[in-house]
Every structure is written in structure tokens, then in C-alpha cells.
Amino acid sequence: MPISDFPFLKAFDSDPTPRPWLFVRIQNPNTGSFLSTIGLVDTGADECCLPATFAGLLGHDLAAGTAKTINTGNGCTTAYGHTCTIDIFDTRLLL
């Protein structure tokens, strides 16, 4: 069933502003390796970006992915494409 109304959360004590954080599980479908974390929803993003450290945790060789130059809020950088699945969990169950 689609969920259309998520409450904003204060994910960190150092950030007093509620933001659109979601609880997610990211999985490498080739190895089955996964990690659970929180993700900030960026409604203006064309693609998902994850920290480089996640690649090794998920069993990916970071630099072996498809290289692409991307523009970020901090300027241009190189990103490496890999296949992952992302499951989103209903934060209302935790409130």
C-alpha cells in the first residue's frame, strides 16, 4: 500500500530542524550484502547518491563502477554507478 504522508524527523540532536529522513535498507542484489541506515529525501535529485564507504560494506569495488562526473552542492565530483536495491520503511511505526 502506498504511503503518502511521512512525518519529518529530527535525525540528529545537533540538527534541531525536522527533515524528510526515512529509514532504509540498501542491498547489493549480487552478494546479498546489506546495511540499514537513514536517508535524507532530496526531491530535486535525479539519482541516489550514497557515501563511498557504503561500497565496500555492500561488496562493491567502488572504482570498478561506471564513472560519471556529477554536480553537487559542493561542486563537481566523480561518482561510480553500482546496482543496489533500496527498501524504505514506514517511520510512523517508530513514533
PDB file of N, CA and C in Angstrom:
ATOM      1  N   MET A   1       0.842  -1.171   0.000  1.00  0.00           N
ATOM      2  CA  MET A   1       0.000   0.000   0.000  1.00  0.00           C
ATOM      3  C   MET A   1       0.893   1.242   0.000  1.00  0.00           C
ATOM      4  N   PRO A   2       0.665   2.196  -0.899  1.00  0.00           N
ATOM      5  CA  PRO A   2       1.455   3.420  -0.931  1.00  0.00           C
ATOM      6  C   PRO A   2       1.265   4.237   0.344  1.00  0.00           C
ATOM      7  N   ILE A   3       2.328   4.864   0.773  1.00  0.00           N
ATOM      8  CA  ILE A   3       2.271   5.752   1.925  1.00  0.00           C
ATOM      9  C   ILE A   3       2.528   7.156   1.404  1.00  0.00           C
ATOM     10  N   SER A   4       1.638   8.085   1.704  1.00  0.00           N
ATOM     11  CA  SER A   4       1.757   9.418   1.119  1.00  0.00           C
ATOM     12  C   SER A   4       1.998  10.517   2.145  1.00  0.00           C
ATOM     13  N   ASP A   5       2.089  10.156   3.424  1.00  0.00           N
ATOM     14  CA  ASP A   5       2.231  11.195   4.433  1.00  0.00           C
ATOM     15  C   ASP A   5       3.224  10.741   5.497  1.00  0.00           C
ATOM     16  N   PHE A   6       4.492  11.134   5.333  1.00  0.00           N
ATOM     17  CA  PHE A   6       5.519  10.808   6.306  1.00  0.00           C
ATOM     18  C   PHE A   6       5.797  12.024   7.171  1.00  0.00           C
ATOM     19  N   PRO A   7       5.902  11.858   8.494  1.00  0.00           N
ATOM     20  CA  PRO A   7       6.283  12.998   9.320  1.00  0.00           C
ATOM     21  C   PRO A   7       7.773  13.283   9.158  1.00  0.00           C
ATOM     22  N   PHE A   8       8.162  14.546   9.231  1.00  0.00           N
ATOM     23  CA  PHE A   8       9.578  14.896   9.220  1.00  0.00           C
ATOM     24  C   PHE A   8      10.156  14.530  10.584  1.00  0.00           C
ATOM     25  N   LEU A   9      11.436  14.162  10.595  1.00  0.00           N
ATOM     26  CA  LEU A   9      12.096  13.717  11.816  1.00  0.00           C
ATOM     27  C   LEU A   9      13.317  14.566  12.120  1.00  0.00           C
ATOM     28  N   LYS A  10      13.681  14.608  13.389  1.00  0.00           N
ATOM     29  CA  LYS A  10      14.955  15.188  13.809  1.00  0.00           C
ATOM     30  C   LYS A  10      15.903  14.008  13.976  1.00  0.00           C
ATOM     31  N   ALA A  11      16.693  13.739  12.964  1.00  0.00           N
ATOM     32  CA  ALA A  11      17.538  12.543  12.952  1.00  0.00           C
ATOM     33  C   ALA A  11      18.771  12.688  13.838  1.00  0.00           C
ATOM     34  N   PHE A  12      19.207  13.909  14.066  1.00  0.00           N
ATOM     35  CA  PHE A  12      20.416  14.143  14.846  1.00  0.00           C
ATOM     36  C   PHE A  12      20.152  15.225  15.886  1.00  0.00           C
ATOM     37  N   ASP A  13      20.668  15.041  17.082  1.00  0.00           N
ATOM     38  CA  ASP A  13      20.489  16.042  18.136  1.00  0.00           C
ATOM     39  C   ASP A  13      21.093  17.385  17.744  1.00  0.00           C
ATOM     40  N   SER A  14      22.147  17.358  16.934  1.00  0.00           N
ATOM     41  CA  SER A  14      22.816  18.597  16.537  1.00  0.00           C
ATOM     42  C   SER A  14      22.025  19.380  15.484  1.00  0.00           C
ATOM     43  N   ASP A  15      20.991  18.789  14.921  1.00  0.00           N
ATOM     44  CA  ASP A  15      20.173  19.461  13.907  1.00  0.00           C
ATOM     45  C   ASP A  15      18.762  19.617  14.446  1.00  0.00           C
ATOM     46  N   PRO A  16      18.388  20.801  14.894  1.00  0.00           N
ATOM     47  CA  PRO A  16      17.069  20.993  15.504  1.00  0.00           C
ATOM     48  C   PRO A  16      15.910  21.059  14.499  1.00  0.00           C
ATOM     49  N   THR A  17      16.220  21.068  13.195  1.00  0.00           N
ATOM     50  CA  THR A  17      15.178  21.205  12.170  1.00  0.00           C
ATOM     51  C   THR A  17      14.696  19.840  11.696  1.00  0.00           C
ATOM     52  N   PRO A  18      13.410  19.549  11.817  1.00  0.00           N
ATOM     53  CA  PRO A  18      12.896  18.293  11.257  1.00  0.00           C
ATOM     54  C   PRO A  18      13.076  18.275   9.744  1.00  0.00           C
ATOM     55  N   ARG A  19      13.484  17.132   9.216  1.00  0.00           N
ATOM     56  CA  ARG A  19      13.736  16.989   7.774  1.00  0.00           C
ATOM     57  C   ARG A  19      13.109  15.675   7.286  1.00  0.00           C
ATOM     58  N   PRO A  20      13.015  15.494   5.956  1.00  0.00           N
ATOM     59  CA  PRO A  20      12.399  14.267   5.427  1.00  0.00           C
ATOM     60  C   PRO A  20      13.360  13.072   5.450  1.00  0.00           C
ATOM     61  N   TRP A  21      13.682  12.588   6.647  1.00  0.00           N
ATOM     62  CA  TRP A  21      14.525  11.404   6.805  1.00  0.00           C
ATOM     63  C   TRP A  21      13.661  10.155   6.735  1.00  0.00           C
ATOM     64  N   LEU A  22      14.170   9.116   6.087  1.00  0.00           N
ATOM     65  CA  LEU A  22      13.485   7.826   6.033  1.00  0.00           C
ATOM     66  C   LEU A  22      14.450   6.732   6.454  1.00  0.00           C
ATOM     67  N   PHE A  23      13.925   5.704   7.071  1.00  0.00           N
ATOM     68  CA  PHE A  23      14.726   4.536   7.408  1.00  0.00           C
ATOM     69  C   PHE A  23      14.782   3.634   6.178  1.00  0.00           C
ATOM     70  N   VAL A  24      15.992   3.266   5.759  1.00  0.00           N
ATOM     71  CA  VAL A  24      16.166   2.497   4.535  1.00  0.00           C
ATOM     72  C   VAL A  24      17.107   1.303   4.751  1.00  0.00           C
ATOM     73  N   ARG A  25      16.932   0.297   3.909  1.00  0.00           N
ATOM     74  CA  ARG A  25      17.876  -0.822   3.817  1.00  0.00           C
ATOM     75  C   ARG A  25      18.394  -0.822   2.387  1.00  0.00           C
ATOM     76  N   ILE A  26      19.716  -0.769   2.244  1.00  0.00           N
ATOM     77  CA  ILE A  26      20.363  -0.756   0.933  1.00  0.00           C
ATOM     78  C   ILE A  26      21.023  -2.111   0.749  1.00  0.00           C
ATOM     79  N   GLN A  27      20.761  -2.776  -0.387  1.00  0.00           N
ATOM     80  CA  GLN A  27      21.263  -4.136  -0.595  1.00  0.00           C
ATOM     81  C   GLN A  27      21.908  -4.274  -1.969  1.00  0.00           C
ATOM     82  N   ASN A  28      23.017  -5.001  -1.980  1.00  0.00           N
ATOM     83  CA  ASN A  28      23.665  -5.389  -3.237  1.00  0.00           C
ATOM     84  C   ASN A  28      22.967  -6.671  -3.682  1.00  0.00           C
ATOM     85  N   PRO A  29      22.210  -6.648  -4.770  1.00  0.00           N
ATOM     86  CA  PRO A  29      21.469  -7.845  -5.180  1.00  0.00           C
ATOM     87  C   PRO A  29      22.375  -8.982  -5.643  1.00  0.00           C
ATOM     88  N   ASN A  30      23.631  -8.693  -5.956  1.00  0.00           N
ATOM     89  CA  ASN A  30      24.549  -9.737  -6.417  1.00  0.00           C
ATOM     90  C   ASN A  30      25.176 -10.520  -5.274  1.00  0.00           C
ATOM     91  N   THR A  31      25.380  -9.862  -4.123  1.00  0.00           N
ATOM     92  CA  THR A  31      26.036 -10.536  -2.993  1.00  0.00           C
ATOM     93  C   THR A  31      25.097 -10.784  -1.823  1.00  0.00           C
ATOM     94  N   GLY A  32      23.986 -10.069  -1.787  1.00  0.00           N
ATOM     95  CA  GLY A  32      23.071 -10.162  -0.653  1.00  0.00           C
ATOM     96  C   GLY A  32      23.499  -9.290   0.514  1.00  0.00           C
ATOM     97  N   SER A  33      24.675  -8.670   0.427  1.00  0.00           N
ATOM     98  CA  SER A  33      25.135  -7.785   1.498  1.00  0.00           C
ATOM     99  C   SER A  33      24.203  -6.587   1.593  1.00  0.00           C
ATOM    100  N   PHE A  34      23.923  -6.150   2.830  1.00  0.00           N
ATOM    101  CA  PHE A  34      23.040  -5.004   3.009  1.00  0.00           C
ATOM    102  C   PHE A  34      23.447  -4.216   4.235  1.00  0.00           C
ATOM    103  N   LEU A  35      22.931  -3.002   4.312  1.00  0.00           N
ATOM    104  CA  LEU A  35      23.081  -2.190   5.516  1.00  0.00           C
ATOM    105  C   LEU A  35      21.808  -1.396   5.705  1.00  0.00           C
ATOM    106  N   SER A  36      21.520  -1.118   6.963  1.00  0.00           N
ATOM    107  CA  SER A  36      20.352  -0.312   7.310  1.00  0.00           C
ATOM    108  C   SER A  36      20.842   1.027   7.826  1.00  0.00           C
ATOM    109  N   THR A  37      20.174   2.084   7.409  1.00  0.00           N
ATOM    110  CA  THR A  37      20.602   3.438   7.772  1.00  0.00           C
ATOM    111  C   THR A  37      19.415   4.375   7.617  1.00  0.00           C
ATOM    112  N   ILE A  38      19.664   5.661   7.733  1.00  0.00           N
ATOM    113  CA  ILE A  38      18.643   6.650   7.425  1.00  0.00           C
ATOM    114  C   ILE A  38      19.073   7.385   6.173  1.00  0.00           C
ATOM    115  N   GLY A  39      18.111   7.840   5.406  1.00  0.00           N
ATOM    116  CA  GLY A  39      18.407   8.573   4.180  1.00  0.00           C
ATOM    117  C   GLY A  39      17.589   9.848   4.133  1.00  0.00           C
ATOM    118  N   LEU A  40      18.203  10.910   3.662  1.00  0.00           N
ATOM    119  CA  LEU A  40      17.515  12.181   3.517  1.00  0.00           C
ATOM    120  C   LEU A  40      16.910  12.246   2.123  1.00  0.00           C
ATOM    121  N   VAL A  41      15.622  12.490   2.041  1.00  0.00           N
ATOM    122  CA  VAL A  41      14.935  12.582   0.767  1.00  0.00           C
ATOM    123  C   VAL A  41      15.288  13.920   0.117  1.00  0.00           C
ATOM    124  N   ASP A  42      15.778  13.856  -1.111  1.00  0.00           N
ATOM    125  CA  ASP A  42      16.094  15.055  -1.889  1.00  0.00           C
ATOM    126  C   ASP A  42      15.157  15.058  -3.083  1.00  0.00           C
ATOM    127  N   THR A  43      14.097  15.825  -2.982  1.00  0.00           N
ATOM    128  CA  THR A  43      13.070  15.797  -4.029  1.00  0.00           C
ATOM    129  C   THR A  43      13.543  16.373  -5.354  1.00  0.00           C
ATOM    130  N   GLY A  44      14.701  17.042  -5.362  1.00  0.00           N
ATOM    131  CA  GLY A  44      15.221  17.594  -6.601  1.00  0.00           C
ATOM    132  C   GLY A  44      16.287  16.735  -7.241  1.00  0.00           C
ATOM    133  N   ALA A  45      16.597  15.596  -6.645  1.00  0.00           N
ATOM    134  CA  ALA A  45      17.672  14.744  -7.155  1.00  0.00           C
ATOM    135  C   ALA A  45      17.196  13.890  -8.326  1.00  0.00           C
ATOM    136  N   ASP A  46      18.087  13.715  -9.290  1.00  0.00           N
ATOM    137  CA  ASP A  46      17.802  12.830 -10.417  1.00  0.00           C
ATOM    138  C   ASP A  46      18.244  11.401 -10.136  1.00  0.00           C
ATOM    139  N   GLU A  47      19.192  11.240  -9.233  1.00  0.00           N
ATOM    140  CA  GLU A  47      19.736   9.925  -8.897  1.00  0.00           C
ATOM    141  C   GLU A  47      20.015   9.866  -7.399  1.00  0.00           C
ATOM    142  N   CYS A  48      20.195   8.640  -6.879  1.00  0.00           N
ATOM    143  CA  CYS A  48      20.564   8.451  -5.482  1.00  0.00           C
ATOM    144  C   CYS A  48      22.077   8.455  -5.349  1.00  0.00           C
ATOM    145  N   CYS A  49      22.552   9.163  -4.353  1.00  0.00           N
ATOM    146  CA  CYS A  49      23.986   9.175  -4.051  1.00  0.00           C
ATOM    147  C   CYS A  49      24.180   8.645  -2.640  1.00  0.00           C
ATOM    148  N   LEU A  50      25.162   7.789  -2.504  1.00  0.00           N
ATOM    149  CA  LEU A  50      25.470   7.188  -1.206  1.00  0.00           C
ATOM    150  C   LEU A  50      26.927   7.461  -0.868  1.00  0.00           C
ATOM    151  N   PRO A  51      27.278   7.474   0.410  1.00  0.00           N
ATOM    152  CA  PRO A  51      28.684   7.664   0.774  1.00  0.00           C
ATOM    153  C   PRO A  51      29.568   6.571   0.170  1.00  0.00           C
ATOM    154  N   ALA A  52      30.776   6.941  -0.237  1.00  0.00           N
ATOM    155  CA  ALA A  52      31.709   5.989  -0.845  1.00  0.00           C
ATOM    156  C   ALA A  52      31.994   4.809   0.070  1.00  0.00           C
ATOM    157  N   THR A  53      31.968   5.025   1.377  1.00  0.00           N
ATOM    158  CA  THR A  53      32.252   3.931   2.321  1.00  0.00           C
ATOM    159  C   THR A  53      31.217   2.816   2.239  1.00  0.00           C
ATOM    160  N   PHE A  54      30.017   3.117   1.747  1.00  0.00           N
ATOM    161  CA  PHE A  54      28.993   2.084   1.622  1.00  0.00           C
ATOM    162  C   PHE A  54      29.380   1.026   0.594  1.00  0.00           C
ATOM    163  N   ALA A  55      30.167   1.391  -0.426  1.00  0.00           N
ATOM    164  CA  ALA A  55      30.515   0.450  -1.499  1.00  0.00           C
ATOM    165  C   ALA A  55      31.160  -0.806  -0.933  1.00  0.00           C
ATOM    166  N   GLY A  56      32.188  -0.645  -0.126  1.00  0.00           N
ATOM    167  CA  GLY A  56      32.875  -1.798   0.460  1.00  0.00           C
ATOM    168  C   GLY A  56      31.977  -2.600   1.377  1.00  0.00           C
ATOM    169  N   LEU A  57      31.146  -1.924   2.161  1.00  0.00           N
ATOM    170  CA  LEU A  57      30.228  -2.611   3.073  1.00  0.00           C
ATOM    171  C   LEU A  57      29.212  -3.462   2.312  1.00  0.00           C
ATOM    172  N   LEU A  58      28.899  -3.033   1.096  1.00  0.00           N
ATOM    173  CA  LEU A  58      27.923  -3.756   0.282  1.00  0.00           C
ATOM    174  C   LEU A  58      28.568  -4.756  -0.677  1.00  0.00           C
ATOM    175  N   GLY A  59      29.891  -4.852  -0.644  1.00  0.00           N
ATOM    176  CA  GLY A  59      30.577  -5.800  -1.512  1.00  0.00           C
ATOM    177  C   GLY A  59      30.850  -5.282  -2.906  1.00  0.00           C
ATOM    178  N   HIS A  60      30.823  -3.971  -3.101  1.00  0.00           N
ATOM    179  CA  HIS A  60      31.151  -3.365  -4.390  1.00  0.00           C
ATOM    180  C   HIS A  60      32.596  -2.877  -4.367  1.00  0.00           C
ATOM    181  N   ASP A  61      33.279  -2.952  -5.495  1.00  0.00           N
ATOM    182  CA  ASP A  61      34.570  -2.301  -5.689  1.00  0.00           C
ATOM    183  C   ASP A  61      34.238  -0.924  -6.241  1.00  0.00           C
ATOM    184  N   LEU A  62      34.372   0.113  -5.417  1.00  0.00           N
ATOM    185  CA  LEU A  62      33.898   1.445  -5.769  1.00  0.00           C
ATOM    186  C   LEU A  62      34.343   1.889  -7.164  1.00  0.00           C
ATOM    187  N   ALA A  63      35.629   1.888  -7.413  1.00  0.00           N
ATOM    188  CA  ALA A  63      36.154   2.413  -8.676  1.00  0.00           C
ATOM    189  C   ALA A  63      35.849   1.520  -9.877  1.00  0.00           C
ATOM    190  N   ALA A  64      35.365   0.300  -9.651  1.00  0.00           N
ATOM    191  CA  ALA A  64      35.011  -0.592 -10.754  1.00  0.00           C
ATOM    192  C   ALA A  64      33.637  -0.245 -11.343  1.00  0.00           C
ATOM    193  N   GLY A  65      32.903   0.660 -10.672  1.00  0.00           N
ATOM    194  CA  GLY A  65      31.600   1.070 -11.182  1.00  0.00           C
ATOM    195  C   GLY A  65      31.750   2.003 -12.366  1.00  0.00           C
ATOM    196  N   THR A  66      30.658   2.295 -13.000  1.00  0.00           N
ATOM    197  CA  THR A  66      30.645   3.199 -14.143  1.00  0.00           C
ATOM    198  C   THR A  66      30.891   4.627 -13.652  1.00  0.00           C
ATOM    199  N   ALA A  67      32.007   5.237 -14.084  1.00  0.00           N
ATOM    200  CA  ALA A  67      32.369   6.586 -13.645  1.00  0.00           C
ATOM    201  C   ALA A  67      31.506   7.638 -14.340  1.00  0.00           C
ATOM    202  N   LYS A  68      31.156   8.675 -13.571  1.00  0.00           N
ATOM    203  CA  LYS A  68      30.321   9.748 -14.094  1.00  0.00           C
ATOM    204  C   LYS A  68      30.655  11.024 -13.325  1.00  0.00           C
ATOM    205  N   THR A  69      30.823  12.127 -14.019  1.00  0.00           N
ATOM    206  CA  THR A  69      31.013  13.416 -13.354  1.00  0.00           C
ATOM    207  C   THR A  69      29.650  13.979 -12.996  1.00  0.00           C
ATOM    208  N   ILE A  70      29.498  14.351 -11.727  1.00  0.00           N
ATOM    209  CA  ILE A  70      28.222  14.895 -11.267  1.00  0.00           C
ATOM    210  C   ILE A  70      28.442  16.261 -10.617  1.00  0.00           C
ATOM    211  N   ASN A  71      27.400  17.069 -10.620  1.00  0.00           N
ATOM    212  CA  ASN A  71      27.412  18.361  -9.941  1.00  0.00           C
ATOM    213  C   ASN A  71      26.730  18.209  -8.594  1.00  0.00           C
ATOM    214  N   THR A  72      27.375  18.711  -7.560  1.00  0.00           N
ATOM    215  CA  THR A  72      26.810  18.662  -6.217  1.00  0.00           C
ATOM    216  C   THR A  72      26.763  20.077  -5.660  1.00  0.00           C
ATOM    217  N   GLY A  73      26.236  20.199  -4.465  1.00  0.00           N
ATOM    218  CA  GLY A  73      26.223  21.489  -3.802  1.00  0.00           C
ATOM    219  C   GLY A  73      27.623  22.003  -3.511  1.00  0.00           C
ATOM    220  N   ASN A  74      28.604  21.105  -3.499  1.00  0.00           N
ATOM    221  CA  ASN A  74      29.998  21.480  -3.236  1.00  0.00           C
ATOM    222  C   ASN A  74      30.840  21.528  -4.501  1.00  0.00           C
ATOM    223  N   GLY A  75      30.227  21.417  -5.667  1.00  0.00           N
ATOM    224  CA  GLY A  75      30.968  21.458  -6.924  1.00  0.00           C
ATOM    225  C   GLY A  75      30.906  20.126  -7.658  1.00  0.00           C
ATOM    226  N   CYS A  76      31.804  19.938  -8.627  1.00  0.00           N
ATOM    227  CA  CYS A  76      31.835  18.714  -9.434  1.00  0.00           C
ATOM    228  C   CYS A  76      32.670  17.639  -8.734  1.00  0.00           C
ATOM    229  N   THR A  77      32.254  16.392  -8.914  1.00  0.00           N
ATOM    230  CA  THR A  77      32.999  15.256  -8.387  1.00  0.00           C
ATOM    231  C   THR A  77      32.723  14.045  -9.274  1.00  0.00           C
ATOM    232  N   THR A  78      33.463  12.981  -9.056  1.00  0.00           N
ATOM    233  CA  THR A  78      33.239  11.738  -9.794  1.00  0.00           C
ATOM    234  C   THR A  78      32.423  10.784  -8.939  1.00  0.00           C
ATOM    235  N   ALA A  79      31.373  10.246  -9.517  1.00  0.00           N
ATOM    236  CA  ALA A  79      30.549   9.229  -8.862  1.00  0.00           C
ATOM    237  C   ALA A  79      30.717   7.932  -9.644  1.00  0.00           C
ATOM    238  N   TYR A  80      30.487   6.808  -8.970  1.00  0.00           N
ATOM    239  CA  TYR A  80      30.626   5.492  -9.596  1.00  0.00           C
ATOM    240  C   TYR A  80      29.315   4.739  -9.448  1.00  0.00           C
ATOM    241  N   GLY A  81      28.743   4.349 -10.580  1.00  0.00           N
ATOM    242  CA  GLY A  81      27.452   3.677 -10.576  1.00  0.00           C
ATOM    243  C   GLY A  81      27.556   2.200 -10.246  1.00  0.00           C
ATOM    244  N   HIS A  82      26.691   1.746  -9.366  1.00  0.00           N
ATOM    245  CA  HIS A  82      26.579   0.337  -8.983  1.00  0.00           C
ATOM    246  C   HIS A  82      25.095  -0.001  -8.824  1.00  0.00           C
ATOM    247  N   THR A  83      24.780  -1.271  -8.872  1.00  0.00           N
ATOM    248  CA  THR A  83      23.404  -1.713  -8.706  1.00  0.00           C
ATOM    249  C   THR A  83      23.114  -2.011  -7.243  1.00  0.00           C
ATOM    250  N   CYS A  84      22.041  -1.423  -6.746  1.00  0.00           N
ATOM    251  CA  CYS A  84      21.569  -1.671  -5.381  1.00  0.00           C
ATOM    252  C   CYS A  84      20.050  -1.638  -5.391  1.00  0.00           C
ATOM    253  N   THR A  85      19.466  -2.257  -4.386  1.00  0.00           N
ATOM    254  CA  THR A  85      18.037  -2.076  -4.143  1.00  0.00           C
ATOM    255  C   THR A  85      17.907  -1.288  -2.844  1.00  0.00           C
ATOM    256  N   ILE A  86      16.883  -0.461  -2.786  1.00  0.00           N
ATOM    257  CA  ILE A  86      16.657   0.351  -1.592  1.00  0.00           C
ATOM    258  C   ILE A  86      15.231   0.093  -1.120  1.00  0.00           C
ATOM    259  N   ASP A  87      15.106  -0.419   0.100  1.00  0.00           N
ATOM    260  CA  ASP A  87      13.800  -0.611   0.729  1.00  0.00           C
ATOM    261  C   ASP A  87      13.584   0.547   1.693  1.00  0.00           C
ATOM    262  N   ILE A  88      12.405   1.134   1.654  1.00  0.00           N
ATOM    263  CA  ILE A  88      12.048   2.249   2.538  1.00  0.00           C
ATOM    264  C   ILE A  88      11.065   1.741   3.567  1.00  0.00           C
ATOM    265  N   PHE A  89      11.317   2.095   4.833  1.00  0.00           N
ATOM    266  CA  PHE A  89      10.470   1.628   5.930  1.00  0.00           C
ATOM    267  C   PHE A  89       9.616   2.765   6.454  1.00  0.00           C
ATOM    268  N   ASP A  90       8.445   2.441   6.924  1.00  0.00           N
ATOM    269  CA  ASP A  90       7.482   3.408   7.425  1.00  0.00           C
ATOM    270  C   ASP A  90       7.939   3.945   8.772  1.00  0.00           C
ATOM    271  N   THR A  91       8.334   5.212   8.813  1.00  0.00           N
ATOM    272  CA  THR A  91       8.820   5.821  10.048  1.00  0.00           C
ATOM    273  C   THR A  91       7.714   5.980  11.091  1.00  0.00           C
ATOM    274  N   ARG A  92       6.470   5.973  10.687  1.00  0.00           N
ATOM    275  CA  ARG A  92       5.386   6.149  11.650  1.00  0.00           C
ATOM    276  C   ARG A  92       5.319   5.009  12.648  1.00  0.00           C
ATOM    277  N   LEU A  93       5.865   3.862  12.305  1.00  0.00           N
ATOM    278  CA  LEU A  93       5.845   2.730  13.221  1.00  0.00           C
ATOM    279  C   LEU A  93       6.768   2.963  14.415  1.00  0.00           C
ATOM    280  N   LEU A  94       7.689   3.914  14.289  1.00  0.00           N
ATOM    281  CA  LEU A  94       8.676   4.182  15.327  1.00  0.00           C
ATOM    282  C   LEU A  94       8.302   5.367  16.201  1.00  0.00           C
ATOM    283  N   LEU A  95       7.248   6.076  15.856  1.00  0.00           N
ATOM    284  CA  LEU A  95       6.879   7.274  16.618  1.00  0.00           C
ATOM    285  C   LEU A  95       5.968   6.955  17.773  1.00  0.00           C
TER     286      LEU A  95
END
